[in-house]
C-alpha cells in the first residue's frame, strides 16, 4: 500500500502535466555550471534542476524520480554514475563533464555521453597550420585514463603524416621521467584532457619543460591554454552544453544519431604570451582563423 503523499504526488503530477521532460542532475562545479547554462539555452522543454552533493540521500533521489523525467541529463562523473545506477535503462541517461576512460566505462544500455574535447585529428590539423615545421608530435598521456585517446592520436598521426612519439605517464610524479624520454626528439607536445597529465602540478611542470626547450604545447581546452599552452582548438563549456541540448532533443524525438563535436563549432585560440616566450610567429593565414588571443 502506497503512502498518501506518494499517491497524491503521482496523481497531481500526471494530472497537472507539469512533469519535467528532463531532470538535470549536476555536481556543484563552475565548469559544469557553464555546461548547464548552454544546455538550458538550447533545450526547449521543461527542465527541473537538482544539485548533487556527497550527502544526497534517498529523499533526494525520490525527488528526482518524482519529477517524472523522460530523460536524465547528468553533469560530472559522480552524477553520471549515480544516474546510470538508479535510473537506467528504464529512463535514458545522457551525460557530460566526464573525461578519459570514465566516459566509455559509464556508457551502457540507454546511457551515453558526449566528449569534452574535439577529435584529435582536428586538433592536430589546426596545429599543422600554426606550425608548418611540425613533423614529430610528442604525446604525453596516462595509459589507464587515456588509452582510447592515444589510439585516436595514432590514427590522427597516420592520417596527417605526423610521427607520433609516445610518452606514457602513469602518475604526475612520473612526468619528469616521461619528458626525458622524448627530449630532443619532437617538434611539439600534445596532451589529452587527462586527469594525470592535465593535473595542476603536472601541467605546471609540463609548461616549464615546454618553455625551457622552446617546444610548442598544444592543449585541448582554453583553461589549459591560459595556463601556459601555446595553441588549442576547443569548444567553450557553454557550447558543449548547447551540443548536449541538441542531443537531448534527438533522444526525446526517438533519434539515435549522436552529436559529435566538430571544428566548425570550435574556437582556435593562441596564447600570445607563450608565443613570445617561445620566440614563435604564426603564419598570416593561420592567424585569420584565430578567434581567441590570450595576451
Protein backbone atom coordinates (compact mmCIF):
# COMPACT_ATOMS: atom_id res chain seq x y z
CA UNK A 1 0.00 0.00 0.00
CA UNK A 2 1.49 3.34 -1.00
CA UNK A 3 1.55 6.34 1.28
CA UNK A 4 -0.90 9.18 0.76
CA UNK A 5 1.89 11.64 -0.08
CA UNK A 6 3.26 9.38 -2.81
CA UNK A 7 -0.26 8.74 -4.11
CA UNK A 8 -1.00 12.46 -4.35
CA UNK A 9 2.34 13.12 -5.99
CA UNK A 10 1.57 10.56 -8.68
CA UNK A 11 -1.98 11.81 -9.26
CA UNK A 12 -1.17 15.51 -9.19
CA UNK A 13 1.99 15.12 -11.20
CA UNK A 14 0.30 13.25 -14.02
CA UNK A 15 -2.84 15.36 -13.93
CA UNK A 16 -1.11 18.71 -13.99
CA UNK A 17 1.03 17.91 -16.98
CA UNK A 18 3.91 19.70 -15.27
CA UNK A 19 6.28 16.74 -15.25
CA UNK A 20 9.72 17.77 -16.42
CA UNK A 21 10.91 16.41 -19.74
CA UNK A 22 14.44 16.47 -18.34
CA UNK A 23 15.85 16.12 -14.85
CA UNK A 24 19.18 17.98 -14.93
CA UNK A 25 21.44 16.46 -12.30
CA UNK A 26 24.71 18.30 -11.67
CA UNK A 27 27.59 18.40 -9.26
CA UNK A 28 28.50 21.82 -7.76
CA UNK A 29 31.26 22.96 -10.11
CA UNK A 30 31.83 26.18 -12.08
CA UNK A 31 32.66 24.33 -15.30
CA UNK A 32 29.55 22.17 -15.02
CA UNK A 33 27.51 25.30 -14.30
CA UNK A 34 28.59 26.69 -17.68
CA UNK A 35 27.63 23.45 -19.42
CA UNK A 36 24.23 23.64 -17.70
CA UNK A 37 23.75 27.22 -18.93
CA UNK A 38 24.45 26.15 -22.51
CA UNK A 39 22.06 23.22 -22.17
CA UNK A 40 19.21 25.36 -20.86
CA UNK A 41 19.78 27.90 -23.63
CA UNK A 42 19.29 25.20 -26.28
CA UNK A 43 16.83 22.69 -24.86
CA UNK A 44 13.25 24.00 -25.31
CA UNK A 45 11.35 21.68 -22.97
CA UNK A 46 10.70 21.91 -19.23
CA UNK A 47 13.77 21.14 -17.12
CA UNK A 48 13.96 20.54 -13.38
CA UNK A 49 17.43 21.02 -11.90
CA UNK A 50 18.95 19.08 -9.00
CA UNK A 51 22.35 19.63 -7.36
CA UNK A 52 24.16 16.51 -6.24
CA UNK A 53 26.29 16.56 -3.12
CA UNK A 54 28.07 13.83 -1.12
CA UNK A 55 25.27 13.86 1.47
CA UNK A 56 22.50 13.30 -1.08
CA UNK A 57 20.18 10.71 0.49
CA UNK A 58 17.22 8.64 -0.61
CA UNK A 59 14.81 11.56 -0.17
CA UNK A 60 16.86 13.48 -2.74
CA UNK A 61 16.66 10.66 -5.27
CA UNK A 62 12.96 10.30 -4.62
CA UNK A 63 12.51 13.98 -5.54
CA UNK A 64 14.39 13.38 -8.78
CA UNK A 65 12.20 10.37 -9.55
CA UNK A 66 9.00 12.27 -8.75
CA UNK A 67 9.84 14.95 -11.30
CA UNK A 68 8.79 12.17 -13.75
CA UNK A 69 11.52 12.93 -16.31
CA UNK A 70 11.62 11.36 -19.74
CA UNK A 71 15.40 11.84 -19.73
CA UNK A 72 18.10 12.29 -17.09
CA UNK A 73 20.91 14.68 -18.04
CA UNK A 74 23.84 14.23 -15.66
CA UNK A 75 26.82 16.58 -15.40
CA UNK A 76 30.01 15.26 -13.83
CA UNK A 77 31.28 11.72 -13.19
CA UNK A 78 29.55 11.21 -9.83
CA UNK A 79 26.20 12.44 -11.16
CA UNK A 80 26.55 10.26 -14.26
CA UNK A 81 27.44 7.15 -12.24
CA UNK A 82 24.51 7.64 -9.84
CA UNK A 83 22.07 8.35 -12.68
CA UNK A 84 23.15 5.20 -14.51
CA UNK A 85 22.85 3.06 -11.38
CA UNK A 86 19.50 4.44 -10.23
CA UNK A 87 17.56 5.17 -13.43
CA UNK A 88 18.92 3.35 -16.49
CA UNK A 89 17.75 1.62 -18.56
CA UNK A 90 14.16 2.48 -17.55
CA UNK A 91 14.92 6.18 -18.08
CA UNK A 92 17.60 7.11 -20.62
CA UNK A 93 20.64 8.95 -19.28
CA UNK A 94 22.72 11.50 -21.19
CA UNK A 95 25.85 12.84 -19.53
CA UNK A 96 28.71 15.31 -19.99
CA UNK A 97 31.59 16.65 -17.92
CA UNK A 98 33.35 13.29 -17.91
CA UNK A 99 36.85 12.79 -19.33
CA UNK A 100 39.27 9.97 -20.06
CA UNK A 101 38.42 6.31 -19.66
CA UNK A 102 35.47 7.15 -17.40
CA UNK A 103 33.41 8.20 -20.41
CA UNK A 104 33.39 4.79 -22.10
CA UNK A 105 33.04 2.98 -18.75
CA UNK A 106 29.88 4.90 -17.92
CA UNK A 107 28.18 4.31 -21.25
CA UNK A 108 25.78 1.40 -21.45
CA UNK A 109 22.20 0.47 -22.29
CA UNK A 110 20.33 3.77 -22.83
CA UNK A 111 23.28 5.63 -21.29
CA UNK A 112 25.50 7.81 -23.45
CA UNK A 113 27.88 10.71 -23.01
CA UNK A 114 29.29 13.44 -25.17
CA UNK A 115 33.04 14.16 -25.17
CA UNK A 116 34.58 17.27 -23.66
CA UNK A 117 37.16 17.68 -26.43
CA UNK A 118 37.28 17.71 -30.21
CA UNK A 119 38.64 14.80 -32.26
CA UNK A 120 42.44 14.58 -32.11
CA UNK A 121 42.75 14.76 -35.89
CA UNK A 122 41.03 18.15 -35.94
CA UNK A 123 43.23 19.45 -33.11
CA UNK A 124 46.39 18.34 -34.90
CA UNK A 125 45.27 19.63 -38.29
CA UNK A 126 44.92 23.06 -36.69
CA UNK A 127 48.38 22.66 -35.15
CA UNK A 128 49.86 21.90 -38.58
CA UNK A 129 48.52 25.20 -39.90
CA UNK A 130 50.05 27.05 -36.95
CA UNK A 131 53.35 25.15 -37.02
CA UNK A 132 54.38 24.42 -40.62
CA UNK A 133 57.56 22.66 -39.43
CA UNK A 134 55.61 20.14 -37.35
CA UNK A 135 56.78 16.63 -38.21
CA UNK A 136 57.07 14.83 -34.84
CA UNK A 137 54.46 15.12 -32.09
CA UNK A 138 55.23 14.12 -28.52
CA UNK A 139 52.14 12.67 -26.83
CA UNK A 140 52.00 12.63 -23.04
CA UNK A 141 49.14 10.58 -21.67
CA UNK A 142 48.06 8.33 -18.84
CA UNK A 143 47.70 4.74 -20.13
CA UNK A 144 44.98 3.96 -17.58
CA UNK A 145 42.93 7.10 -18.31
CA UNK A 146 43.51 7.94 -21.98
CA UNK A 147 44.05 4.66 -23.81
CA UNK A 148 41.26 5.45 -26.28
CA UNK A 149 42.53 8.98 -26.89
CA UNK A 150 46.01 7.61 -27.54
CA UNK A 151 44.57 5.20 -30.10
CA UNK A 152 42.78 8.14 -31.70
CA UNK A 153 46.08 10.06 -31.72
CA UNK A 154 47.80 7.21 -33.57
CA UNK A 155 45.07 7.32 -36.22
CA UNK A 156 45.44 11.10 -36.48
CA UNK A 157 49.21 10.78 -36.87
CA UNK A 158 48.81 8.35 -39.77
CA UNK A 159 46.17 10.49 -41.47
CA UNK A 160 48.22 13.68 -41.18
CA UNK A 161 51.67 12.13 -41.84
CA UNK A 162 52.95 13.11 -38.40
CA UNK A 163 55.36 10.90 -36.48
CA UNK A 164 53.93 10.15 -33.04
CA UNK A 165 56.41 9.87 -30.18
CA UNK A 166 54.66 8.38 -27.16
CA UNK A 167 55.45 9.33 -23.56
CA UNK A 168 53.15 7.36 -21.26
CA UNK A 169 52.93 8.83 -17.77
CA UNK A 170 51.15 6.83 -15.07
CA UNK A 171 51.28 9.45 -12.29
CA UNK A 172 52.01 13.19 -12.01
CA UNK A 173 55.22 12.29 -10.19
CA UNK A 174 56.42 10.32 -13.24
CA UNK A 175 56.22 13.34 -15.54
CA UNK A 176 59.93 14.21 -15.46
CA UNK A 177 60.90 10.70 -16.49
CA UNK A 178 58.31 10.67 -19.28
CA UNK A 179 59.55 14.00 -20.62
CA UNK A 180 63.19 12.88 -20.51
CA UNK A 181 62.32 10.06 -22.92
CA UNK A 182 61.17 12.47 -25.62
CA UNK A 183 63.52 15.41 -25.00
CA UNK A 184 65.17 16.43 -28.27
CA UNK A 185 63.03 14.03 -30.30
CA UNK A 186 59.89 16.07 -31.04
CA UNK A 187 58.77 19.34 -32.63
CA UNK A 188 55.76 19.89 -30.37
CA UNK A 189 53.89 18.38 -27.42
CA UNK A 190 50.22 17.43 -27.15
CA UNK A 191 48.18 16.21 -24.20
CA UNK A 192 44.61 14.91 -23.90
CA UNK A 193 42.23 16.17 -21.23
CA UNK A 194 43.70 13.64 -18.85
CA UNK A 195 43.47 13.63 -15.03
CA UNK A 196 47.18 12.75 -14.77
CA UNK A 197 48.99 14.96 -17.30
CA UNK A 198 46.46 17.81 -17.04
CA UNK A 199 46.73 17.65 -13.25
CA UNK A 200 47.60 21.10 -11.88
CA UNK A 201 51.03 20.08 -10.58
CA UNK A 202 51.97 18.00 -13.62
CA UNK A 203 50.79 20.66 -16.06
CA UNK A 204 52.91 23.29 -14.35
CA UNK A 205 55.95 21.06 -14.89
CA UNK A 206 54.92 20.44 -18.48
CA UNK A 207 54.72 24.17 -19.19
CA UNK A 208 58.18 24.68 -17.67
CA UNK A 209 59.58 21.93 -19.91
CA UNK A 210 57.88 23.47 -22.93
CA UNK A 211 59.37 26.91 -22.29
CA UNK A 212 62.83 25.62 -21.39
CA UNK A 213 63.04 23.55 -24.58
CA UNK A 214 61.13 26.04 -26.76
CA UNK A 215 58.60 23.38 -27.63
CA UNK A 216 55.04 24.36 -28.58
CA UNK A 217 52.50 22.81 -26.21
CA UNK A 218 49.14 22.00 -27.83
CA UNK A 219 46.29 21.65 -25.34
CA UNK A 220 42.63 20.57 -25.56
CA UNK A 221 40.99 23.40 -23.59
CA UNK A 222 41.03 27.16 -23.14
CA UNK A 223 41.75 26.83 -19.42
CA UNK A 224 44.97 24.90 -20.15
CA UNK A 225 45.85 27.43 -22.83
CA UNK A 226 45.59 30.22 -20.28
CA UNK A 227 47.81 28.13 -18.00
CA UNK A 228 50.70 28.29 -20.46
CA UNK A 229 49.84 26.21 -23.53
CA UNK A 230 50.53 27.72 -26.95
CA UNK A 231 47.58 26.57 -29.03
CA UNK A 232 44.17 24.99 -28.60
CA UNK A 233 41.24 24.02 -30.76
CA UNK A 234 38.38 23.59 -28.36
CA UNK A 235 34.79 24.40 -27.50
CA UNK A 236 33.61 26.65 -24.74
CA UNK A 237 31.82 24.84 -21.95
CA UNK A 238 28.61 26.66 -22.87
CA UNK A 239 28.94 25.39 -26.45
CA UNK A 240 29.36 21.84 -25.13
CA UNK A 241 26.15 22.42 -23.17
CA UNK A 242 24.40 23.51 -26.36
CA UNK A 243 25.53 20.33 -28.11
CA UNK A 244 24.20 18.41 -25.11
CA UNK A 245 20.85 20.14 -25.56
CA UNK A 246 20.72 19.13 -29.23
CA UNK A 247 21.46 15.53 -28.32
CA UNK A 248 18.74 15.57 -25.64
CA UNK A 249 16.24 16.73 -28.25
CA UNK A 250 17.36 13.93 -30.59
CA UNK A 251 16.90 11.29 -27.89
CA UNK A 252 13.45 12.53 -26.91
CA UNK A 253 12.43 12.59 -30.57
CA UNK A 254 13.34 8.93 -30.91
CA UNK A 255 16.57 9.57 -32.81
CA UNK A 256 19.78 7.69 -32.24
CA UNK A 257 22.42 9.69 -34.14
CA UNK A 258 24.90 11.15 -31.70
CA UNK A 259 26.09 14.72 -31.78
CA UNK A 260 29.82 14.75 -32.48
CA UNK A 261 31.81 17.82 -31.59
CA UNK A 262 33.09 19.46 -34.76
CA UNK A 263 35.75 22.02 -35.58
CA UNK A 264 33.07 24.12 -37.26
CA UNK A 265 31.71 24.91 -33.78
CA UNK A 266 35.14 25.31 -32.16
CA UNK A 267 37.42 28.20 -31.27
CA UNK A 268 41.01 28.35 -32.47
CA UNK A 269 42.89 30.01 -29.64
CA UNK A 270 46.52 31.04 -29.12
CA UNK A 271 48.44 32.29 -26.12
CA UNK A 272 50.44 35.24 -27.45
CA UNK A 273 52.46 35.50 -24.23
CA UNK A 274 53.61 31.91 -24.65
CA UNK A 275 54.34 32.50 -28.33
CA UNK A 276 56.57 35.43 -27.38
CA UNK A 277 58.37 33.36 -24.74
CA UNK A 278 58.99 30.62 -27.32
CA UNK A 279 60.09 33.10 -29.99
CA UNK A 280 57.29 31.90 -32.26
CA UNK A 281 55.45 33.70 -35.03
CA UNK A 282 52.36 32.24 -36.66
CA UNK A 283 51.61 32.21 -40.42
CA UNK A 284 49.32 35.03 -41.51
CA UNK A 285 46.78 32.61 -42.98
CA UNK A 286 46.56 30.73 -39.69
CA UNK A 287 46.04 33.95 -37.73
CA UNK A 288 42.95 34.65 -39.83
CA UNK A 289 41.35 31.57 -38.26
CA UNK A 290 42.15 32.54 -34.66
CA UNK A 291 39.09 33.50 -32.61
CA UNK A 292 40.70 33.93 -29.19
CA UNK A 293 44.03 35.53 -28.33
CA UNK A 294 45.32 35.29 -24.77
CA UNK A 295 47.55 38.32 -24.16
